[in-house]
Amino acid sequence: MPADKNKKKNAKDSQLIIRINGKERNRFVKLCDEQDTSAAREIRRFIREYLEKYD
């Protein structure tokens, strides 16, 4: 049961729309692919670390 509650608590239920230069986006996505991760995962990681540091 606790795993289910934790899963719901961390559900991805919102979007953050940003505007970024196309070349930078493509470079970022390519680098993420090369490191076997996704751009979304890395942005979520950045946000969590930022919140932890400054919140």
N, C-alpha and C. Protein backbone atom coordinates (compact mmCIF):
# COMPACT_ATOMS: atom_id res chain seq x y z
N MET A 1 0.80 -1.21 0.00
CA MET A 1 0.00 0.00 0.00
C MET A 1 0.85 1.28 0.00
N PRO A 2 1.85 1.41 0.86
CA PRO A 2 2.62 2.66 0.87
C PRO A 2 3.21 3.01 -0.49
N ALA A 3 3.59 2.02 -1.27
CA ALA A 3 4.15 2.30 -2.59
C ALA A 3 3.11 2.96 -3.49
N ASP A 4 1.85 2.51 -3.40
CA ASP A 4 0.77 3.11 -4.20
C ASP A 4 0.54 4.56 -3.81
N LYS A 5 0.53 4.83 -2.51
CA LYS A 5 0.31 6.19 -2.05
C LYS A 5 1.47 7.09 -2.50
N ASN A 6 2.68 6.58 -2.42
CA ASN A 6 3.85 7.35 -2.83
C ASN A 6 3.81 7.61 -4.33
N LYS A 7 3.36 6.63 -5.10
CA LYS A 7 3.26 6.77 -6.55
C LYS A 7 2.27 7.88 -6.92
N LYS A 8 1.12 7.89 -6.26
CA LYS A 8 0.12 8.92 -6.52
C LYS A 8 0.63 10.29 -6.11
N LYS A 9 1.35 10.35 -5.00
CA LYS A 9 1.89 11.61 -4.50
C LYS A 9 2.86 12.23 -5.51
N ASN A 10 3.63 11.41 -6.20
CA ASN A 10 4.63 11.88 -7.15
C ASN A 10 4.16 11.80 -8.60
N ALA A 11 2.86 11.69 -8.81
CA ALA A 11 2.34 11.58 -10.17
C ALA A 11 2.69 12.82 -10.99
N LYS A 12 3.01 12.60 -12.24
CA LYS A 12 3.32 13.70 -13.16
C LYS A 12 2.00 14.19 -13.74
N ASP A 13 1.42 15.21 -13.11
CA ASP A 13 0.10 15.66 -13.51
C ASP A 13 0.08 17.11 -13.99
N SER A 14 1.24 17.70 -14.22
CA SER A 14 1.30 19.08 -14.69
C SER A 14 2.38 19.22 -15.75
N GLN A 15 2.24 20.29 -16.53
CA GLN A 15 3.23 20.57 -17.56
C GLN A 15 3.81 21.95 -17.32
N LEU A 16 5.05 22.12 -17.73
CA LEU A 16 5.71 23.42 -17.71
C LEU A 16 6.16 23.69 -19.14
N ILE A 17 5.57 24.68 -19.77
CA ILE A 17 5.88 25.00 -21.16
C ILE A 17 6.96 26.09 -21.15
N ILE A 18 8.05 25.84 -21.86
CA ILE A 18 9.11 26.84 -21.97
C ILE A 18 9.44 27.06 -23.44
N ARG A 19 9.97 28.22 -23.72
CA ARG A 19 10.44 28.53 -25.08
C ARG A 19 11.97 28.48 -25.02
N ILE A 20 12.56 27.78 -25.96
CA ILE A 20 14.01 27.62 -25.99
C ILE A 20 14.47 27.65 -27.44
N ASN A 21 15.67 28.13 -27.65
CA ASN A 21 16.27 28.15 -28.97
C ASN A 21 16.33 26.73 -29.52
N GLY A 22 15.92 26.55 -30.76
CA GLY A 22 15.86 25.22 -31.38
C GLY A 22 17.19 24.50 -31.41
N LYS A 23 18.25 25.23 -31.68
CA LYS A 23 19.58 24.59 -31.72
C LYS A 23 19.99 24.10 -30.34
N GLU A 24 19.73 24.91 -29.32
CA GLU A 24 20.06 24.48 -27.96
C GLU A 24 19.23 23.27 -27.56
N ARG A 25 17.96 23.30 -27.91
CA ARG A 25 17.09 22.15 -27.60
C ARG A 25 17.61 20.88 -28.25
N ASN A 26 17.95 20.97 -29.52
CA ASN A 26 18.44 19.80 -30.24
C ASN A 26 19.75 19.28 -29.65
N ARG A 27 20.65 20.19 -29.29
CA ARG A 27 21.91 19.77 -28.66
C ARG A 27 21.64 19.08 -27.33
N PHE A 28 20.74 19.66 -26.53
CA PHE A 28 20.40 19.10 -25.22
C PHE A 28 19.80 17.70 -25.36
N VAL A 29 18.84 17.56 -26.26
CA VAL A 29 18.20 16.26 -26.47
C VAL A 29 19.23 15.23 -26.95
N LYS A 30 20.10 15.64 -27.86
CA LYS A 30 21.13 14.73 -28.37
C LYS A 30 22.07 14.28 -27.26
N LEU A 31 22.51 15.23 -26.43
CA LEU A 31 23.39 14.86 -25.31
C LEU A 31 22.70 13.94 -24.33
N CYS A 32 21.44 14.20 -24.05
CA CYS A 32 20.69 13.31 -23.16
C CYS A 32 20.60 11.91 -23.75
N ASP A 33 20.31 11.81 -25.04
CA ASP A 33 20.25 10.50 -25.70
C ASP A 33 21.58 9.78 -25.59
N GLU A 34 22.66 10.50 -25.80
CA GLU A 34 24.00 9.90 -25.72
C GLU A 34 24.31 9.38 -24.33
N GLN A 35 23.70 9.99 -23.32
CA GLN A 35 23.92 9.58 -21.94
C GLN A 35 22.82 8.65 -21.44
N ASP A 36 22.01 8.16 -22.37
CA ASP A 36 20.94 7.20 -22.07
C ASP A 36 19.95 7.74 -21.03
N THR A 37 19.54 8.97 -21.24
CA THR A 37 18.52 9.59 -20.39
C THR A 37 17.61 10.41 -21.29
N SER A 38 16.60 11.02 -20.72
CA SER A 38 15.71 11.85 -21.53
C SER A 38 15.81 13.30 -21.08
N ALA A 39 15.48 14.20 -21.97
CA ALA A 39 15.51 15.62 -21.64
C ALA A 39 14.54 15.91 -20.49
N ALA A 40 13.36 15.33 -20.55
CA ALA A 40 12.36 15.55 -19.49
C ALA A 40 12.89 15.08 -18.14
N ARG A 41 13.52 13.92 -18.11
CA ARG A 41 14.06 13.39 -16.86
C ARG A 41 15.11 14.34 -16.28
N GLU A 42 15.97 14.87 -17.13
CA GLU A 42 17.03 15.76 -16.66
C GLU A 42 16.47 17.10 -16.19
N ILE A 43 15.44 17.59 -16.85
CA ILE A 43 14.83 18.85 -16.41
C ILE A 43 14.11 18.65 -15.08
N ARG A 44 13.41 17.51 -14.93
CA ARG A 44 12.78 17.21 -13.64
C ARG A 44 13.82 17.10 -12.54
N ARG A 45 14.96 16.46 -12.84
CA ARG A 45 16.04 16.33 -11.85
C ARG A 45 16.57 17.72 -11.47
N PHE A 46 16.76 18.59 -12.46
CA PHE A 46 17.22 19.94 -12.19
C PHE A 46 16.24 20.66 -11.26
N ILE A 47 14.96 20.56 -11.55
CA ILE A 47 13.95 21.24 -10.74
C ILE A 47 13.97 20.72 -9.31
N ARG A 48 14.03 19.39 -9.12
CA ARG A 48 14.08 18.83 -7.76
C ARG A 48 15.30 19.32 -7.01
N GLU A 49 16.47 19.31 -7.66
CA GLU A 49 17.70 19.76 -7.01
C GLU A 49 17.64 21.26 -6.69
N TYR A 50 17.08 22.04 -7.58
CA TYR A 50 16.94 23.47 -7.36
C TYR A 50 16.04 23.74 -6.16
N LEU A 51 14.91 23.05 -6.11
CA LEU A 51 13.99 23.21 -4.98
C LEU A 51 14.65 22.81 -3.66
N GLU A 52 15.39 21.72 -3.69
CA GLU A 52 16.07 21.26 -2.49
C GLU A 52 17.10 22.29 -2.01
N LYS A 53 17.76 22.90 -2.95
CA LYS A 53 18.82 23.85 -2.61
C LYS A 53 18.25 25.18 -2.10
N TYR A 54 17.18 25.67 -2.73
CA TYR A 54 16.71 27.02 -2.44
C TYR A 54 15.38 27.11 -1.70
N ASP A 55 14.70 25.99 -1.55
CA ASP A 55 13.38 26.03 -0.93
C ASP A 55 13.48 26.10 0.58
